C-alpha atoms as a PDB file:
ATOM      1  CA  MET A   1     -52.537  15.605  76.736  1.00  0.00           C
ATOM      2  CA  THR A   2     -54.969  15.965  79.601  1.00  0.00           C
ATOM      3  CA  ASP A   3     -54.707  19.154  81.615  1.00  0.00           C
ATOM      4  CA  ARG A   4     -54.767  18.269  85.314  1.00  0.00           C
ATOM      5  CA  ARG A   5     -56.825  21.380  85.998  1.00  0.00           C
ATOM      6  CA  SER A   6     -59.644  19.794  84.001  1.00  0.00           C
ATOM      7  CA  PHE A   7     -60.225  17.090  86.603  1.00  0.00           C
ATOM      8  CA  LEU A   8     -63.649  17.510  88.174  1.00  0.00           C
ATOM      9  CA  LYS A   9     -64.381  17.140  91.846  1.00  0.00           C
ATOM     10  CA  ALA A  10     -66.150  13.919  92.738  1.00  0.00           C
ATOM     11  CA  SER A  11     -68.306  13.248  95.766  1.00  0.00           C
ATOM     12  CA  LEU A  12     -67.046  11.362  98.791  1.00  0.00           C
ATOM     13  CA  LEU A  13     -66.492   7.676  98.053  1.00  0.00           C
ATOM     14  CA  GLY A  14     -67.178   8.250  94.371  1.00  0.00           C
ATOM     15  CA  ALA A  15     -65.922   5.451  92.186  1.00  0.00           C
ATOM     16  CA  ALA A  16     -63.360   7.432  90.258  1.00  0.00           C
ATOM     17  CA  ALA A  17     -61.647   5.377  87.579  1.00  0.00           C
ATOM     18  CA  PRO A  18     -57.865   5.671  87.234  1.00  0.00           C
ATOM     19  CA  VAL A  19     -56.782   8.515  84.970  1.00  0.00           C
ATOM     20  CA  LEU A  20     -54.008   7.491  82.610  1.00  0.00           C
ATOM     21  CA  ALA A  21     -52.613  10.899  81.749  1.00  0.00           C
ATOM     22  CA  TRP A  22     -51.663  14.023  83.670  1.00  0.00           C
ATOM     23  CA  SER A  23     -48.997  16.719  83.611  1.00  0.00           C
ATOM     24  CA  GLY A  24     -48.362  15.913  79.969  1.00  0.00           C
ATOM     25  CA  LYS A  25     -47.162  12.408  80.753  1.00  0.00           C
ATOM     26  CA  LEU A  26     -48.929   9.223  79.645  1.00  0.00           C
ATOM     27  CA  PHE A  27     -49.321   6.336  82.039  1.00  0.00           C
ATOM     28  CA  ALA A  28     -50.222   3.021  80.505  1.00  0.00           C
ATOM     29  CA  GLY A  29     -50.390  -0.657  81.214  1.00  0.00           C
ATOM     30  CA  PRO A  30     -52.415  -2.930  83.505  1.00  0.00           C
ATOM     31  CA  VAL A  31     -51.985  -3.078  87.265  1.00  0.00           C
ATOM     32  CA  PRO A  32     -49.259  -5.682  87.866  1.00  0.00           C
ATOM     33  CA  GLY A  33     -50.594  -9.150  88.635  1.00  0.00           C
ATOM     34  CA  ALA A  34     -48.953 -12.159  90.244  1.00  0.00           C
ATOM     35  CA  LEU A  35     -45.396 -13.021  89.317  1.00  0.00           C
ATOM     36  CA  SER A  36     -44.251 -16.355  88.021  1.00  0.00           C
ATOM     37  CA  THR A  37     -41.907 -18.325  90.278  1.00  0.00           C
ATOM     38  CA  GLY A  38     -38.340 -17.100  90.250  1.00  0.00           C
ATOM     39  CA  THR A  39     -39.055 -13.571  89.056  1.00  0.00           C
ATOM     40  CA  ALA A  40     -38.647 -10.255  90.863  1.00  0.00           C
ATOM     41  CA  ARG A  41     -40.434  -6.920  91.100  1.00  0.00           C
ATOM     42  CA  VAL A  42     -39.937  -3.577  92.821  1.00  0.00           C
ATOM     43  CA  VAL A  43     -42.544  -0.850  93.345  1.00  0.00           C
ATOM     44  CA  SER A  44     -42.306   2.579  94.922  1.00  0.00           C
ATOM     45  CA  THR A  45     -44.369   5.669  95.594  1.00  0.00           C
ATOM     46  CA  TRP A  46     -44.556   8.628  93.213  1.00  0.00           C
ATOM     47  CA  ASP A  47     -43.017   9.382  89.845  1.00  0.00           C
ATOM     48  CA  PHE A  48     -39.514   9.825  91.214  1.00  0.00           C
ATOM     49  CA  GLY A  49     -39.743   6.172  92.161  1.00  0.00           C
ATOM     50  CA  VAL A  50     -38.791   5.338  88.571  1.00  0.00           C
ATOM     51  CA  ALA A  51     -35.111   6.203  89.089  1.00  0.00           C
ATOM     52  CA  ALA A  52     -35.158   4.585  92.517  1.00  0.00           C
ATOM     53  CA  ASN A  53     -36.657   1.399  91.076  1.00  0.00           C
ATOM     54  CA  GLN A  54     -34.004   1.212  88.387  1.00  0.00           C
ATOM     55  CA  ALA A  55     -31.256   1.387  91.010  1.00  0.00           C
ATOM     56  CA  ALA A  56     -32.999  -1.383  92.933  1.00  0.00           C
ATOM     57  CA  TRP A  57     -33.433  -3.428  89.771  1.00  0.00           C
ATOM     58  CA  ALA A  58     -29.687  -3.358  89.192  1.00  0.00           C
ATOM     59  CA  ILE A  59     -29.559  -5.639  92.246  1.00  0.00           C
ATOM     60  CA  LEU A  60     -32.810  -7.554  91.783  1.00  0.00           C
ATOM     61  CA  GLY A  61     -32.369  -8.268  88.065  1.00  0.00           C
ATOM     62  CA  PRO A  62     -29.214 -10.389  88.454  1.00  0.00           C
ATOM     63  CA  GLY A  63     -30.772 -12.277  91.361  1.00  0.00           C
ATOM     64  CA  GLY A  64     -29.787 -10.108  94.328  1.00  0.00           C
ATOM     65  CA  ARG A  65     -31.563  -9.742  97.663  1.00  0.00           C
ATOM     66  CA  ALA A  66     -34.658  -7.625  98.086  1.00  0.00           C
ATOM     67  CA  LEU A  67     -33.218  -6.035 101.260  1.00  0.00           C
ATOM     68  CA  ASP A  68     -30.117  -4.817  99.422  1.00  0.00           C
ATOM     69  CA  ALA A  69     -32.279  -3.595  96.551  1.00  0.00           C
ATOM     70  CA  VAL A  70     -34.613  -1.411  98.610  1.00  0.00           C
ATOM     71  CA  GLU A  71     -31.717   0.189 100.483  1.00  0.00           C
ATOM     72  CA  LYS A  72     -29.900   1.003  97.240  1.00  0.00           C
ATOM     73  CA  GLY A  73     -33.071   2.139  95.518  1.00  0.00           C
ATOM     74  CA  VAL A  74     -34.207   4.760  98.012  1.00  0.00           C
ATOM     75  CA  GLN A  75     -30.700   6.176  98.253  1.00  0.00           C
ATOM     76  CA  VAL A  76     -31.368   7.747  94.841  1.00  0.00           C
ATOM     77  CA  PRO A  77     -33.998  10.272  96.013  1.00  0.00           C
ATOM     78  CA  GLU A  78     -32.077  10.703  99.278  1.00  0.00           C
ATOM     79  CA  SER A  79     -29.219  12.155  97.195  1.00  0.00           C
ATOM     80  CA  ASP A  80     -31.360  14.090  94.723  1.00  0.00           C
ATOM     81  CA  LEU A  81     -30.932  17.802  95.436  1.00  0.00           C
ATOM     82  CA  LYS A  82     -34.016  18.601  93.347  1.00  0.00           C
ATOM     83  CA  ASN A  83     -36.250  16.466  95.524  1.00  0.00           C
ATOM     84  CA  HIS A  84     -37.414  18.671  98.387  1.00  0.00           C
ATOM     85  CA  SER A  85     -39.375  16.031 100.256  1.00  0.00           C
ATOM     86  CA  VAL A  86     -36.716  13.347 100.684  1.00  0.00           C
ATOM     87  CA  GLY A  87     -33.132  13.410 101.886  1.00  0.00           C
ATOM     88  CA  LYS A  88     -30.354  15.823 101.156  1.00  0.00           C
ATOM     89  CA  GLY A  89     -32.465  18.297  99.176  1.00  0.00           C
ATOM     90  CA  GLY A  90     -35.311  18.278 101.674  1.00  0.00           C
ATOM     91  CA  TYR A  91     -36.896  21.430 103.030  1.00  0.00           C
ATOM     92  CA  PRO A  92     -36.098  22.177 106.687  1.00  0.00           C
ATOM     93  CA  ASP A  93     -38.288  22.515 109.737  1.00  0.00           C
ATOM     94  CA  ARG A  94     -39.497  25.971 110.797  1.00  0.00           C
ATOM     95  CA  ASP A  95     -36.194  26.566 112.614  1.00  0.00           C
ATOM     96  CA  GLY A  96     -34.070  25.803 109.562  1.00  0.00           C
ATOM     97  CA  HIS A  97     -32.961  22.260 110.446  1.00  0.00           C
ATOM     98  CA  VAL A  98     -33.132  19.457 107.880  1.00  0.00           C
ATOM     99  CA  THR A  99     -34.099  16.317 109.808  1.00  0.00           C
ATOM    100  CA  LEU A 100     -34.481  12.923 108.168  1.00  0.00           C
ATOM    101  CA  ASP A 101     -36.520   9.828 109.009  1.00  0.00           C
ATOM    102  CA  ALA A 102     -36.198   6.323 107.565  1.00  0.00           C
ATOM    103  CA  SER A 103     -37.089   2.695 108.170  1.00  0.00           C
ATOM    104  CA  ILE A 104     -36.242  -0.660 106.620  1.00  0.00           C
ATOM    105  CA  MET A 105     -37.734  -4.125 107.150  1.00  0.00           C
ATOM    106  CA  ASP A 106     -37.281  -7.640 105.815  1.00  0.00           C
ATOM    107  CA  ALA A 107     -39.578 -10.637 105.434  1.00  0.00           C
ATOM    108  CA  ASP A 108     -38.569 -12.131 108.786  1.00  0.00           C
ATOM    109  CA  GLY A 109     -39.628  -9.128 110.828  1.00  0.00           C
ATOM    110  CA  ASN A 110     -36.133  -7.695 111.233  1.00  0.00           C
ATOM    111  CA  CYS A 111     -36.370  -3.915 111.143  1.00  0.00           C
ATOM    112  CA  GLY A 112     -34.515  -0.713 111.942  1.00  0.00           C
ATOM    113  CA  ALA A 113     -35.291   2.978 111.856  1.00  0.00           C
ATOM    114  CA  VAL A 114     -33.989   6.455 112.586  1.00  0.00           C
ATOM    115  CA  ALA A 115     -35.906   9.661 113.227  1.00  0.00           C
ATOM    116  CA  ALA A 116     -34.976  13.349 113.451  1.00  0.00           C
ATOM    117  CA  LEU A 117     -31.517  12.496 112.147  1.00  0.00           C
ATOM    118  CA  GLU A 118     -29.386  15.453 111.031  1.00  0.00           C
ATOM    119  CA  ASN A 119     -26.249  15.805 108.890  1.00  0.00           C
ATOM    120  CA  ILE A 120     -26.253  12.299 107.368  1.00  0.00           C
ATOM    121  CA  GLU A 121     -27.049  11.889 103.673  1.00  0.00           C
ATOM    122  CA  HIS A 122     -28.443   8.350 103.754  1.00  0.00           C
ATOM    123  CA  PRO A 123     -30.686   7.737 106.757  1.00  0.00           C
ATOM    124  CA  ILE A 124     -31.879   4.478 105.187  1.00  0.00           C
ATOM    125  CA  SER A 125     -28.401   3.009 105.565  1.00  0.00           C
ATOM    126  CA  VAL A 126     -28.212   4.124 109.184  1.00  0.00           C
ATOM    127  CA  ALA A 127     -31.602   2.465 109.727  1.00  0.00           C
ATOM    128  CA  ARG A 128     -30.225  -0.780 108.328  1.00  0.00           C
ATOM    129  CA  ARG A 129     -27.257  -0.579 110.704  1.00  0.00           C
ATOM    130  CA  VAL A 130     -29.681  -0.118 113.586  1.00  0.00           C
ATOM    131  CA  MET A 131     -31.436  -3.289 112.437  1.00  0.00           C
ATOM    132  CA  GLU A 132     -28.290  -5.349 111.988  1.00  0.00           C
ATOM    133  CA  ARG A 133     -25.931  -4.041 114.675  1.00  0.00           C
ATOM    134  CA  THR A 134     -28.063  -3.057 117.656  1.00  0.00           C
ATOM    135  CA  PRO A 135     -30.722  -4.730 119.814  1.00  0.00           C
ATOM    136  CA  HIS A 136     -33.026  -1.783 119.068  1.00  0.00           C
ATOM    137  CA  VAL A 137     -35.488  -0.827 116.346  1.00  0.00           C
ATOM    138  CA  LEU A 138     -35.537   2.984 116.482  1.00  0.00           C
ATOM    139  CA  LEU A 139     -32.874   5.577 117.302  1.00  0.00           C
ATOM    140  CA  VAL A 140     -33.700   9.285 117.279  1.00  0.00           C
ATOM    141  CA  GLY A 141     -32.093  12.712 117.231  1.00  0.00           C
ATOM    142  CA  ALA A 142     -28.666  13.134 118.803  1.00  0.00           C
ATOM    143  CA  GLY A 143     -28.486   9.443 119.658  1.00  0.00           C
ATOM    144  CA  ALA A 144     -29.108   8.449 116.056  1.00  0.00           C
ATOM    145  CA  LEU A 145     -26.400  10.851 114.901  1.00  0.00           C
ATOM    146  CA  GLN A 146     -23.958   9.547 117.506  1.00  0.00           C
ATOM    147  CA  PHE A 147     -24.590   5.998 116.310  1.00  0.00           C
ATOM    148  CA  ALA A 148     -24.197   6.953 112.653  1.00  0.00           C
ATOM    149  CA  ILE A 149     -20.837   8.623 113.303  1.00  0.00           C
ATOM    150  CA  ALA A 150     -19.670   5.604 115.288  1.00  0.00           C
ATOM    151  CA  GLN A 151     -20.602   3.453 112.303  1.00  0.00           C
ATOM    152  CA  GLY A 152     -18.410   5.539 109.997  1.00  0.00           C
ATOM    153  CA  PHE A 153     -21.008   7.760 108.332  1.00  0.00           C
ATOM    154  CA  LYS A 154     -19.672  11.208 107.438  1.00  0.00           C
ATOM    155  CA  GLN A 155     -21.439  14.369 108.522  1.00  0.00           C
ATOM    156  CA  GLN A 156     -22.378  17.069 106.039  1.00  0.00           C
ATOM    157  CA  ASN A 157     -24.591  20.128 105.924  1.00  0.00           C
ATOM    158  CA  LEU A 158     -27.894  19.045 104.389  1.00  0.00           C
ATOM    159  CA  LEU A 159     -29.428  22.514 104.055  1.00  0.00           C
ATOM    160  CA  THR A 160     -28.928  23.332 100.388  1.00  0.00           C
ATOM    161  CA  PRO A 161     -28.940  26.946  99.131  1.00  0.00           C
ATOM    162  CA  GLU A 162     -32.240  26.328  97.346  1.00  0.00           C
ATOM    163  CA  ALA A 163     -33.900  24.892 100.436  1.00  0.00           C
ATOM    164  CA  GLU A 164     -32.529  27.691 102.593  1.00  0.00           C
ATOM    165  CA  ALA A 165     -33.887  30.308 100.195  1.00  0.00           C
ATOM    166  CA  ALA A 166     -37.312  28.643 100.265  1.00  0.00           C
ATOM    167  CA  TRP A 167     -37.212  28.612 104.062  1.00  0.00           C
ATOM    168  CA  HIS A 168     -36.412  32.340 104.236  1.00  0.00           C
ATOM    169  CA  GLU A 169     -39.284  32.993 101.834  1.00  0.00           C
ATOM    170  CA  TRP A 170     -41.619  30.967 104.042  1.00  0.00           C
ATOM    171  CA  LEU A 171     -40.499  32.907 107.129  1.00  0.00           C
ATOM    172  CA  LYS A 172     -42.040  36.064 105.663  1.00  0.00           C
ATOM    173  CA  THR A 173     -45.467  34.718 106.573  1.00  0.00           C
ATOM    174  CA  ALA A 174     -44.600  31.598 108.606  1.00  0.00           C
ATOM    175  CA  HIS A 175     -47.934  30.186 107.478  1.00  0.00           C
ATOM    176  CA  TYR A 176     -48.180  26.414 107.783  1.00  0.00           C
ATOM    177  CA  GLN A 177     -50.888  24.730 105.752  1.00  0.00           C
ATOM    178  CA  PRO A 178     -50.377  21.293 104.164  1.00  0.00           C
ATOM    179  CA  SER A 179     -51.272  21.342 100.479  1.00  0.00           C
ATOM    180  CA  ILE A 180     -52.538  18.264  98.668  1.00  0.00           C
ATOM    181  CA  ASN A 181     -49.915  16.743  96.348  1.00  0.00           C
ATOM    182  CA  SER A 182     -48.044  20.058  96.301  1.00  0.00           C
ATOM    183  CA  GLU A 183     -44.759  18.576  95.131  1.00  0.00           C
ATOM    184  CA  VAL A 184     -46.601  16.632  92.427  1.00  0.00           C
ATOM    185  CA  ARG A 185     -48.402  19.773  91.303  1.00  0.00           C
ATOM    186  CA  ASP A 186     -45.071  21.424  90.528  1.00  0.00           C
ATOM    187  CA  TYR A 187     -43.653  18.280  88.911  1.00  0.00           C
ATOM    188  CA  GLY A 188     -43.544  19.719  85.406  1.00  0.00           C
ATOM    189  CA  LYS A 189     -42.000  23.041  86.429  1.00  0.00           C
ATOM    190  CA  SER A 190     -38.531  21.808  87.223  1.00  0.00           C
ATOM    191  CA  GLY A 191     -37.511  19.540  84.406  1.00  0.00           C
ATOM    192  CA  GLY A 192     -39.366  16.539  85.760  1.00  0.00           C
ATOM    193  CA  GLN A 193     -38.487  16.837  89.437  1.00  0.00           C
ATOM    194  CA  ALA A 194     -40.721  17.713  92.347  1.00  0.00           C
ATOM    195  CA  THR A 195     -40.159  21.281  93.474  1.00  0.00           C
ATOM    196  CA  GLY A 196     -42.483  21.743  96.412  1.00  0.00           C
ATOM    197  CA  MET A 197     -44.169  24.988  97.329  1.00  0.00           C
ATOM    198  CA  PRO A 198     -42.305  27.499  99.505  1.00  0.00           C
ATOM    199  CA  GLY A 199     -45.559  28.958 100.795  1.00  0.00           C
ATOM    200  CA  GLY A 200     -47.063  25.678 101.902  1.00  0.00           C
ATOM    201  CA  ALA A 201     -46.135  22.292 103.231  1.00  0.00           C
ATOM    202  CA  GLY A 202     -46.394  19.291 100.972  1.00  0.00           C
ATOM    203  CA  ASN A 203     -48.228  16.111 101.835  1.00  0.00           C
ATOM    204  CA  HIS A 204     -46.170  14.113  99.357  1.00  0.00           C
ATOM    205  CA  ASP A 205     -43.133  13.768 101.554  1.00  0.00           C
ATOM    206  CA  THR A 206     -41.921  10.196 101.265  1.00  0.00           C
ATOM    207  CA  ILE A 207     -40.562   7.478  99.076  1.00  0.00           C
ATOM    208  CA  GLY A 208     -41.742   4.059 100.128  1.00  0.00           C
ATOM    209  CA  MET A 209     -40.389   1.015  98.287  1.00  0.00           C
ATOM    210  CA  LEU A 210     -41.348  -2.663  98.313  1.00  0.00           C
ATOM    211  CA  ALA A 211     -39.472  -5.454  96.570  1.00  0.00           C
ATOM    212  CA  ILE A 212     -39.687  -9.187  96.061  1.00  0.00           C
ATOM    213  CA  ASP A 213     -36.616 -10.988  94.765  1.00  0.00           C
ATOM    214  CA  ALA A 214     -36.233 -14.094  92.629  1.00  0.00           C
ATOM    215  CA  GLN A 215     -36.070 -16.244  95.765  1.00  0.00           C
ATOM    216  CA  GLY A 216     -39.451 -14.881  96.912  1.00  0.00           C
ATOM    217  CA  ARG A 217     -38.005 -12.767  99.727  1.00  0.00           C
ATOM    218  CA  LEU A 218     -39.785  -9.495 100.505  1.00  0.00           C
ATOM    219  CA  ALA A 219     -38.341  -6.268 101.895  1.00  0.00           C
ATOM    220  CA  GLY A 220     -39.334  -2.643 102.218  1.00  0.00           C
ATOM    221  CA  ALA A 221     -37.836   0.778 102.861  1.00  0.00           C
ATOM    222  CA  CYS A 222     -39.258   4.211 103.568  1.00  0.00           C
ATOM    223  CA  THR A 223     -37.380   7.509 103.803  1.00  0.00           C
ATOM    224  CA  THR A 224     -38.284  11.196 104.030  1.00  0.00           C
ATOM    225  CA  SER A 225     -37.292  14.665 105.142  1.00  0.00           C
ATOM    226  CA  GLY A 226     -40.805  15.073 106.501  1.00  0.00           C
ATOM    227  CA  MET A 227     -43.190  17.971 106.190  1.00  0.00           C
ATOM    228  CA  ALA A 228     -41.610  21.245 105.158  1.00  0.00           C
ATOM    229  CA  TRP A 229     -41.659  23.853 107.954  1.00  0.00           C
ATOM    230  CA  LYS A 230     -42.731  21.245 110.542  1.00  0.00           C
ATOM    231  CA  MET A 231     -42.273  21.908 114.251  1.00  0.00           C
ATOM    232  CA  ARG A 232     -38.819  21.107 115.576  1.00  0.00           C
ATOM    233  CA  GLY A 233     -38.795  17.471 116.622  1.00  0.00           C
ATOM    234  CA  ARG A 234     -41.849  16.428 114.607  1.00  0.00           C
ATOM    235  CA  VAL A 235     -41.692  12.848 113.363  1.00  0.00           C
ATOM    236  CA  GLY A 236     -44.173  11.389 110.907  1.00  0.00           C
ATOM    237  CA  ASP A 237     -45.063   7.845 109.962  1.00  0.00           C
ATOM    238  CA  SER A 238     -42.050   6.956 107.811  1.00  0.00           C
ATOM    239  CA  PRO A 239     -39.749   5.637 110.578  1.00  0.00           C
ATOM    240  CA  ILE A 240     -42.583   4.034 112.551  1.00  0.00           C
ATOM    241  CA  ILE A 241     -42.758   0.301 111.865  1.00  0.00           C
ATOM    242  CA  GLY A 242     -46.394  -0.557 111.247  1.00  0.00           C
ATOM    243  CA  ALA A 243     -47.282   2.988 110.211  1.00  0.00           C
ATOM    244  CA  GLY A 244     -45.116   4.063 107.272  1.00  0.00           C
ATOM    245  CA  LEU A 245     -43.827   0.568 106.519  1.00  0.00           C
ATOM    246  CA  TYR A 246     -44.610  -3.036 107.351  1.00  0.00           C
ATOM    247  CA  VAL A 247     -43.480  -6.342 105.823  1.00  0.00           C
ATOM    248  CA  ASP A 248     -44.513  -9.905 106.612  1.00  0.00           C
ATOM    249  CA  GLY A 249     -42.907 -12.574 104.479  1.00  0.00           C
ATOM    250  CA  GLU A 250     -45.946 -14.842 104.750  1.00  0.00           C
ATOM    251  CA  VAL A 251     -48.333 -12.147 103.516  1.00  0.00           C
ATOM    252  CA  GLY A 252     -46.753  -9.122 101.812  1.00  0.00           C
ATOM    253  CA  GLY A 253     -45.691  -5.568 102.482  1.00  0.00           C
ATOM    254  CA  ALA A 254     -47.162  -2.084 102.544  1.00  0.00           C
ATOM    255  CA  THR A 255     -45.929   1.484 102.701  1.00  0.00           C
ATOM    256  CA  SER A 256     -47.573   4.878 102.907  1.00  0.00           C
ATOM    257  CA  THR A 257     -47.193   8.491 101.893  1.00  0.00           C
ATOM    258  CA  GLY A 258     -48.946  11.694 102.850  1.00  0.00           C
ATOM    259  CA  VAL A 259     -49.836  13.188 106.224  1.00  0.00           C
ATOM    260  CA  GLY A 260     -48.018  10.901 108.615  1.00  0.00           C
ATOM    261  CA  GLU A 261     -50.134  11.776 111.628  1.00  0.00           C
ATOM    262  CA  GLU A 262     -53.177  10.224 109.965  1.00  0.00           C
ATOM    263  CA  VAL A 263     -51.250   7.078 109.085  1.00  0.00           C
ATOM    264  CA  ILE A 264     -49.893   6.722 112.627  1.00  0.00           C
ATOM    265  CA  ARG A 265     -53.386   7.064 114.117  1.00  0.00           C
ATOM    266  CA  ASN A 266     -54.481   4.009 112.128  1.00  0.00           C
ATOM    267  CA  ALA A 267     -51.268   1.921 112.150  1.00  0.00           C
ATOM    268  CA  GLY A 268     -51.785   2.151 108.407  1.00  0.00           C
ATOM    269  CA  SER A 269     -49.229  -0.141 106.795  1.00  0.00           C
ATOM    270  CA  PHE A 270     -49.741  -2.850 109.416  1.00  0.00           C
ATOM    271  CA  LEU A 271     -53.467  -2.581 108.776  1.00  0.00           C
ATOM    272  CA  VAL A 272     -52.988  -3.076 105.041  1.00  0.00           C
ATOM    273  CA  VAL A 273     -50.862  -6.175 105.582  1.00  0.00           C
ATOM    274  CA  GLU A 274     -53.359  -7.611 108.065  1.00  0.00           C
ATOM    275  CA  LEU A 275     -56.179  -7.043 105.590  1.00  0.00           C
ATOM    276  CA  MET A 276     -54.174  -8.928 102.971  1.00  0.00           C
ATOM    277  CA  ARG A 277     -53.699 -11.715 105.522  1.00  0.00           C
ATOM    278  CA  GLN A 278     -57.487 -11.925 105.751  1.00  0.00           C
ATOM    279  CA  GLY A 279     -57.703 -12.450 101.993  1.00  0.00           C
ATOM    280  CA  ARG A 280     -57.972  -8.961 100.505  1.00  0.00           C
ATOM    281  CA  SER A 281     -56.025  -8.154  97.378  1.00  0.00           C
ATOM    282  CA  PRO A 282     -53.395  -5.410  97.703  1.00  0.00           C
ATOM    283  CA  HIS A 283     -55.777  -2.951  96.052  1.00  0.00           C
ATOM    284  CA  GLU A 284     -58.690  -3.907  98.298  1.00  0.00           C
ATOM    285  CA  ALA A 285     -56.523  -3.700 101.417  1.00  0.00           C
ATOM    286  CA  CYS A 286     -55.195  -0.256 100.531  1.00  0.00           C
ATOM    287  CA  LYS A 287     -58.687   0.990  99.762  1.00  0.00           C
ATOM    288  CA  GLU A 288     -60.124  -0.254 103.041  1.00  0.00           C
ATOM    289  CA  ALA A 289     -57.293   1.380 105.006  1.00  0.00           C
ATOM    290  CA  VAL A 290     -57.897   4.704 103.243  1.00  0.00           C
ATOM    291  CA  LEU A 291     -61.645   4.531 103.821  1.00  0.00           C
ATOM    292  CA  ARG A 292     -61.046   3.919 107.510  1.00  0.00           C
ATOM    293  CA  ILE A 293     -59.101   7.195 107.708  1.00  0.00           C
ATOM    294  CA  VAL A 294     -61.817   9.024 105.801  1.00  0.00           C
ATOM    295  CA  LYS A 295     -64.570   7.620 108.021  1.00  0.00           C
ATOM    296  CA  ARG A 296     -62.820   8.705 111.199  1.00  0.00           C
ATOM    297  CA  ARG A 297     -61.608  12.054 109.868  1.00  0.00           C
ATOM    298  CA  ARG A 298     -64.322  12.912 107.359  1.00  0.00           C
ATOM    299  CA  GLU A 299     -63.916  16.699 107.286  1.00  0.00           C
ATOM    300  CA  ALA A 300     -60.129  16.719 107.684  1.00  0.00           C
ATOM    301  CA  SER A 301     -59.746  14.134 104.919  1.00  0.00           C
ATOM    302  CA  LYS A 302     -61.067  16.580 102.332  1.00  0.00           C
ATOM    303  CA  THR A 303     -57.939  18.717 102.614  1.00  0.00           C
ATOM    304  CA  ILE A 304     -55.165  16.137 103.078  1.00  0.00           C
ATOM    305  CA  GLN A 305     -53.544  13.328 101.161  1.00  0.00           C
ATOM    306  CA  VAL A 306     -52.739   9.821 102.344  1.00  0.00           C
ATOM    307  CA  GLY A 307     -51.875   6.997  99.981  1.00  0.00           C
ATOM    308  CA  PHE A 308     -50.995   3.348 100.501  1.00  0.00           C
ATOM    309  CA  LEU A 309     -49.011   1.045  98.227  1.00  0.00           C
ATOM    310  CA  ALA A 310     -48.923  -2.716  98.797  1.00  0.00           C
ATOM    311  CA  MET A 311     -47.512  -5.893  97.299  1.00  0.00           C
ATOM    312  CA  ASN A 312     -48.386  -9.410  98.398  1.00  0.00           C
ATOM    313  CA  ARG A 313     -46.110 -12.436  98.486  1.00  0.00           C
ATOM    314  CA  ALA A 314     -47.268 -13.394  94.968  1.00  0.00           C
ATOM    315  CA  GLY A 315     -46.021 -10.053  93.653  1.00  0.00           C
ATOM    316  CA  GLU A 316     -49.485  -8.571  93.055  1.00  0.00           C
ATOM    317  CA  VAL A 317     -49.560  -4.798  93.497  1.00  0.00           C
ATOM    318  CA  GLY A 318     -52.261  -2.382  94.580  1.00  0.00           C
ATOM    319  CA  ALA A 319     -52.638   1.225  95.732  1.00  0.00           C
ATOM    320  CA  TYR A 320     -55.296   3.637  96.914  1.00  0.00           C
ATOM    321  CA  ALA A 321     -55.361   7.245  98.127  1.00  0.00           C
ATOM    322  CA  ILE A 322     -57.647   9.871  99.589  1.00  0.00           C
ATOM    323  CA  GLN A 323     -57.026  12.387  96.806  1.00  0.00           C
ATOM    324  CA  ARG A 324     -56.425  11.888  93.118  1.00  0.00           C
ATOM    325  CA  GLY A 325     -52.830  12.488  92.052  1.00  0.00           C
ATOM    326  CA  PHE A 326     -51.008   9.709  93.907  1.00  0.00           C
ATOM    327  CA  THR A 327     -48.912   7.620  91.532  1.00  0.00           C
ATOM    328  CA  TYR A 328     -46.625   4.643  91.928  1.00  0.00           C
ATOM    329  CA  ALA A 329     -43.761   3.248  89.866  1.00  0.00           C
ATOM    330  CA  VAL A 330     -43.287  -0.406  88.892  1.00  0.00           C
ATOM    331  CA  CYS A 331     -40.178  -2.182  87.653  1.00  0.00           C
ATOM    332  CA  ASP A 332     -39.760  -5.834  86.726  1.00  0.00           C
ATOM    333  CA  ALA A 333     -38.379  -7.916  83.859  1.00  0.00           C
ATOM    334  CA  ARG A 334     -41.141  -6.675  81.518  1.00  0.00           C
ATOM    335  CA  ARG A 335     -41.249  -2.969  82.409  1.00  0.00           C
ATOM    336  CA  GLN A 336     -38.533  -0.684  83.664  1.00  0.00           C
ATOM    337  CA  ASP A 337     -40.222   2.703  84.012  1.00  0.00           C
ATOM    338  CA  ALA A 338     -43.974   2.190  84.328  1.00  0.00           C
ATOM    339  CA  VAL A 339     -45.861   4.772  86.401  1.00  0.00           C
ATOM    340  CA  LEU A 340     -49.486   4.109  87.282  1.00  0.00           C
ATOM    341  CA  PRO A 341     -52.144   6.323  88.877  1.00  0.00           C
ATOM    342  CA  SER A 342     -53.830   5.229  92.045  1.00  0.00           C
ATOM    343  CA  GLU A 343     -57.581   5.224  92.452  1.00  0.00           C
ATOM    344  CA  SER A 344     -58.838   7.635  95.083  1.00  0.00           C
ATOM    345  CA  VAL A 345     -61.772   8.641  97.246  1.00  0.00           C
ATOM    346  CA  TYR A 346     -61.889  12.196  95.988  1.00  0.00           C
ATOM    347  CA  ALA A 347     -61.069  13.676  92.590  1.00  0.00           C
ATOM    348  CA  THR A 348     -59.004  16.777  93.259  1.00  0.00           C
ATOM    349  CA  SER A 349     -59.331  19.920  91.164  1.00  0.00           C
ATOM    350  CA  TYR A 350     -55.905  21.536  90.857  1.00  0.00           C
ATOM    351  CA  SER A 351     -55.905  25.286  90.572  1.00  0.00           C
END
């Protein structure tokens, strides 16, 4: 199998072809094309999207709604204690608080989100309640927690012993430096789960999911525990509609992962959807959005990761990233656990 450390650095905007093997795991199969009428598909960011997709497919497969599927799907990494970039197992901020962000959106523009939410295991479900039971889109901090409790969600301590130990280790230096694909780099060291890096702060901090159901309805969800060791109160792109997630039933949907500040600056997911509206394929739209970030932040882009994943109303899928290493998972009637590599601007050398 290909050793990821053998990847060579490519020049800016080099046309790097997708690599079909890394970390001892083979990725195979063509990029998913258009769906036939009456069929469904779900896609999500990163390798741990496989389990999330399968939970979503349990709803989509029998003909269920895309909105229900994306909520159920992303609950899987939210509950995964081995996943230190999403949900209950997430690493805390620099003060030791685990704060969660999430958003959800359907094809009709209905959306809800929460940010800096503490003590609730499934922020995605709170976000859906915001969408369906309030006149608002986004609730944050203490107000989001108050709403969740009023809606019957149970509080629990989200700081796991493993995350707390990593935090105390980080406090020895208190050095904050985002590291490209850091959770992915440790993927093979923990039995197939992302472990993160106690000394750094990972850019791969999100699961974004997009689904189209058999009735042609689109929906999306995005959830995260944010950057490890972030400043208290920091919120990234994941709960920001139009940044971390955007869905338009007439066009398609997009979601993002990576350094949220860069995505927010460019209204990234909205941009991808608007580019698809203008006729770009999902792949072309994601690529153009990434290149816009690189053009505006040329030097900074060499040390960060941002990736976009998109699906249009026909079910076609595309992705693109700044750095090599971004992957996405696909599940439909033909494939249940496919993981594909995204093309990228740079080829990253892992060392």
